[in-house]
Amino acid sequence: QVQLVESGGGLVQAGGSLRLSCAASGRTFRSYAMGWFRQAPGKAREFVARITWGSGFTYYADSVKGRFAISRDNAKNTLYLQMNSLKPEDTAVYYCAASASLSVLATSYDSWGQGTQVTVSS
């Protein structure tokens, strides 16, 4: 099992930036990929971005492509999400998650953090 702890959320004005972090511990070597998801009130949890631990191969949802960047520091077992040009519709609770497979489906991720709130004001 992988333990995940997110940090870095907050309130920011539209057009601003935030960087989320996710510290991983436990059996991280069993995680092939790490992902960021988000969930807005009354909406389903949606995929944001993913990265493989080894090669660093990334993949993004169309809604964040060109604005968000996912990265990882293998030595620190930490995942990041740099969010630029934020929009009010990016407001959500953001979760990091670990998966033994390469997927954009939340059901494929078996370890989750507690989430961190991101609020973008207009």
C-alpha atoms as a PDB file:
ATOM      1  CA  GLN A   1       0.000   0.000   0.000  1.00  0.00           C
ATOM      2  CA  VAL A   2       1.142   3.516  -0.811  1.00  0.00           C
ATOM      3  CA  GLN A   3       0.427   6.426   1.517  1.00  0.00           C
ATOM      4  CA  LEU A   4      -0.113   9.780  -0.174  1.00  0.00           C
ATOM      5  CA  VAL A   5      -0.315  13.253   1.344  1.00  0.00           C
ATOM      6  CA  GLU A   6      -1.169  16.290  -0.794  1.00  0.00           C
ATOM      7  CA  SER A   7      -0.331  19.898  -0.015  1.00  0.00           C
ATOM      8  CA  GLY A   8      -0.203  23.261  -1.741  1.00  0.00           C
ATOM      9  CA  GLY A   9      -3.847  24.039  -2.369  1.00  0.00           C
ATOM     10  CA  GLY A  10      -5.373  27.423  -1.658  1.00  0.00           C
ATOM     11  CA  LEU A  11      -7.224  30.435  -2.999  1.00  0.00           C
ATOM     12  CA  VAL A  12      -5.911  32.174  -6.093  1.00  0.00           C
ATOM     13  CA  GLN A  13      -7.261  34.696  -8.573  1.00  0.00           C
ATOM     14  CA  ALA A  14      -8.004  33.717 -12.142  1.00  0.00           C
ATOM     15  CA  GLY A  15      -4.822  33.770 -14.195  1.00  0.00           C
ATOM     16  CA  GLY A  16      -2.697  32.895 -11.185  1.00  0.00           C
ATOM     17  CA  SER A  17      -0.604  29.840 -10.398  1.00  0.00           C
ATOM     18  CA  LEU A  18      -0.338  27.169  -7.729  1.00  0.00           C
ATOM     19  CA  ARG A  19       1.905  24.153  -7.264  1.00  0.00           C
ATOM     20  CA  LEU A  20       0.527  21.057  -5.620  1.00  0.00           C
ATOM     21  CA  SER A  21       2.762  18.455  -4.001  1.00  0.00           C
ATOM     22  CA  CYS A  22       2.082  14.842  -3.102  1.00  0.00           C
ATOM     23  CA  ALA A  23       4.450  13.013  -0.778  1.00  0.00           C
ATOM     24  CA  ALA A  24       4.438   9.249  -1.247  1.00  0.00           C
ATOM     25  CA  SER A  25       5.556   6.604   1.235  1.00  0.00           C
ATOM     26  CA  GLY A  26       5.192   2.872   1.660  1.00  0.00           C
ATOM     27  CA  ARG A  27       5.429   0.417  -1.236  1.00  0.00           C
ATOM     28  CA  THR A  28       5.968   3.071  -3.906  1.00  0.00           C
ATOM     29  CA  PHE A  29       8.022   0.673  -6.040  1.00  0.00           C
ATOM     30  CA  ARG A  30       4.786  -1.132  -6.850  1.00  0.00           C
ATOM     31  CA  SER A  31       3.302   1.995  -8.397  1.00  0.00           C
ATOM     32  CA  TYR A  32       3.818   2.207 -12.129  1.00  0.00           C
ATOM     33  CA  ALA A  33       2.105   5.547 -12.561  1.00  0.00           C
ATOM     34  CA  MET A  34       0.961   8.473 -10.481  1.00  0.00           C
ATOM     35  CA  GLY A  35      -1.960  10.668 -11.326  1.00  0.00           C
ATOM     36  CA  TRP A  36      -3.807  13.814 -10.342  1.00  0.00           C
ATOM     37  CA  PHE A  37      -7.589  13.881 -10.299  1.00  0.00           C
ATOM     38  CA  ARG A  38     -10.033  16.566  -9.250  1.00  0.00           C
ATOM     39  CA  GLN A  39     -13.605  16.702  -8.048  1.00  0.00           C
ATOM     40  CA  ALA A  40     -15.811  19.769  -8.059  1.00  0.00           C
ATOM     41  CA  PRO A  41     -18.992  19.947  -5.950  1.00  0.00           C
ATOM     42  CA  GLY A  42     -21.780  17.891  -7.493  1.00  0.00           C
ATOM     43  CA  LYS A  43     -19.510  16.489 -10.196  1.00  0.00           C
ATOM     44  CA  ALA A  44     -17.742  13.206 -10.754  1.00  0.00           C
ATOM     45  CA  ARG A  45     -14.052  12.825 -10.073  1.00  0.00           C
ATOM     46  CA  GLU A  46     -12.142  13.563 -13.272  1.00  0.00           C
ATOM     47  CA  PHE A  47      -8.683  12.781 -14.555  1.00  0.00           C
ATOM     48  CA  VAL A  48      -6.238  15.689 -14.764  1.00  0.00           C
ATOM     49  CA  ALA A  49      -2.774  14.267 -15.517  1.00  0.00           C
ATOM     50  CA  ARG A  50      -0.561  11.234 -14.997  1.00  0.00           C
ATOM     51  CA  ILE A  51       3.129  10.394 -15.065  1.00  0.00           C
ATOM     52  CA  THR A  52       5.091   7.154 -14.942  1.00  0.00           C
ATOM     53  CA  TRP A  53       7.608   6.852 -12.112  1.00  0.00           C
ATOM     54  CA  GLY A  54      10.326   5.400 -14.298  1.00  0.00           C
ATOM     55  CA  SER A  55      10.341   7.066 -17.691  1.00  0.00           C
ATOM     56  CA  GLY A  56       8.461  10.210 -16.684  1.00  0.00           C
ATOM     57  CA  PHE A  57       6.054   9.808 -19.575  1.00  0.00           C
ATOM     58  CA  THR A  58       3.164  12.268 -19.121  1.00  0.00           C
ATOM     59  CA  TYR A  59      -0.413  12.533 -20.293  1.00  0.00           C
ATOM     60  CA  TYR A  60      -2.964  15.314 -19.729  1.00  0.00           C
ATOM     61  CA  ALA A  61      -6.662  15.918 -19.931  1.00  0.00           C
ATOM     62  CA  ASP A  62      -7.521  18.284 -22.784  1.00  0.00           C
ATOM     63  CA  SER A  63      -8.963  20.788 -20.316  1.00  0.00           C
ATOM     64  CA  VAL A  64      -5.567  21.396 -18.682  1.00  0.00           C
ATOM     65  CA  LYS A  65      -3.140  20.727 -21.540  1.00  0.00           C
ATOM     66  CA  GLY A  66      -0.723  23.614 -21.974  1.00  0.00           C
ATOM     67  CA  ARG A  67      -1.577  25.095 -18.558  1.00  0.00           C
ATOM     68  CA  PHE A  68      -0.703  22.330 -16.084  1.00  0.00           C
ATOM     69  CA  ALA A  69       2.523  20.343 -15.772  1.00  0.00           C
ATOM     70  CA  ILE A  70       2.961  17.118 -13.832  1.00  0.00           C
ATOM     71  CA  SER A  71       6.387  16.075 -12.619  1.00  0.00           C
ATOM     72  CA  ARG A  72       8.002  13.809 -10.039  1.00  0.00           C
ATOM     73  CA  ASP A  73      11.140  13.677  -7.952  1.00  0.00           C
ATOM     74  CA  ASN A  74      11.993  10.014  -7.572  1.00  0.00           C
ATOM     75  CA  ALA A  75      14.628  10.674  -4.928  1.00  0.00           C
ATOM     76  CA  LYS A  76      12.082  12.474  -2.754  1.00  0.00           C
ATOM     77  CA  ASN A  77       9.151  10.210  -3.698  1.00  0.00           C
ATOM     78  CA  THR A  78       7.183  13.358  -4.430  1.00  0.00           C
ATOM     79  CA  LEU A  79       4.732  14.180  -7.183  1.00  0.00           C
ATOM     80  CA  TYR A  80       3.990  17.729  -8.316  1.00  0.00           C
ATOM     81  CA  LEU A  81       1.335  19.535 -10.297  1.00  0.00           C
ATOM     82  CA  GLN A  82       2.247  23.017 -11.502  1.00  0.00           C
ATOM     83  CA  MET A  83      -0.946  24.845 -12.400  1.00  0.00           C
ATOM     84  CA  ASN A  84      -0.713  28.056 -14.422  1.00  0.00           C
ATOM     85  CA  SER A  85      -3.319  30.327 -16.012  1.00  0.00           C
ATOM     86  CA  LEU A  86      -5.885  29.053 -13.554  1.00  0.00           C
ATOM     87  CA  LYS A  87      -9.572  29.476 -14.347  1.00  0.00           C
ATOM     88  CA  PRO A  88     -12.621  29.491 -12.049  1.00  0.00           C
ATOM     89  CA  GLU A  89     -13.632  26.142 -13.577  1.00  0.00           C
ATOM     90  CA  ASP A  90     -10.432  24.625 -12.168  1.00  0.00           C
ATOM     91  CA  THR A  91     -11.931  24.995  -8.686  1.00  0.00           C
ATOM     92  CA  ALA A  92     -12.076  21.538  -7.096  1.00  0.00           C
ATOM     93  CA  VAL A  93     -10.556  19.224  -4.548  1.00  0.00           C
ATOM     94  CA  TYR A  94      -7.406  17.807  -6.100  1.00  0.00           C
ATOM     95  CA  TYR A  95      -6.272  14.268  -5.313  1.00  0.00           C
ATOM     96  CA  CYS A  96      -3.100  12.405  -6.109  1.00  0.00           C
ATOM     97  CA  ALA A  97      -3.288   8.675  -6.679  1.00  0.00           C
ATOM     98  CA  ALA A  98      -1.081   5.690  -7.434  1.00  0.00           C
ATOM     99  CA  SER A  99      -1.705   2.923  -9.934  1.00  0.00           C
ATOM    100  CA  ALA A 100      -0.030  -0.294 -10.981  1.00  0.00           C
ATOM    101  CA  SER A 101      -1.203   0.333 -14.533  1.00  0.00           C
ATOM    102  CA  LEU A 102      -1.319   3.131 -17.080  1.00  0.00           C
ATOM    103  CA  SER A 103      -4.836   4.525 -17.018  1.00  0.00           C
ATOM    104  CA  VAL A 104      -6.994   7.658 -16.875  1.00  0.00           C
ATOM    105  CA  LEU A 105      -9.737   5.842 -14.976  1.00  0.00           C
ATOM    106  CA  ALA A 106     -10.071   6.543 -11.268  1.00  0.00           C
ATOM    107  CA  THR A 107     -11.032   2.916 -10.707  1.00  0.00           C
ATOM    108  CA  SER A 108      -7.548   1.852 -11.834  1.00  0.00           C
ATOM    109  CA  TYR A 109      -5.887   3.780  -9.012  1.00  0.00           C
ATOM    110  CA  ASP A 110      -5.778   1.948  -5.707  1.00  0.00           C
ATOM    111  CA  SER A 111      -4.102   4.449  -3.383  1.00  0.00           C
ATOM    112  CA  TRP A 112      -5.425   7.969  -2.834  1.00  0.00           C
ATOM    113  CA  GLY A 113      -4.482  11.017  -0.832  1.00  0.00           C
ATOM    114  CA  GLN A 114      -6.924  12.986   1.288  1.00  0.00           C
ATOM    115  CA  GLY A 115      -7.213  15.808  -1.244  1.00  0.00           C
ATOM    116  CA  THR A 116      -6.356  19.497  -1.215  1.00  0.00           C
ATOM    117  CA  GLN A 117      -8.780  22.310  -2.047  1.00  0.00           C
ATOM    118  CA  VAL A 118      -8.034  24.646  -4.940  1.00  0.00           C
ATOM    119  CA  THR A 119     -10.296  27.659  -5.328  1.00  0.00           C
ATOM    120  CA  VAL A 120      -9.947  30.061  -8.243  1.00  0.00           C
ATOM    121  CA  SER A 121     -11.804  33.342  -7.946  1.00  0.00           C
ATOM    122  CA  SER A 122     -12.955  35.349 -10.948  1.00  0.00           C
END
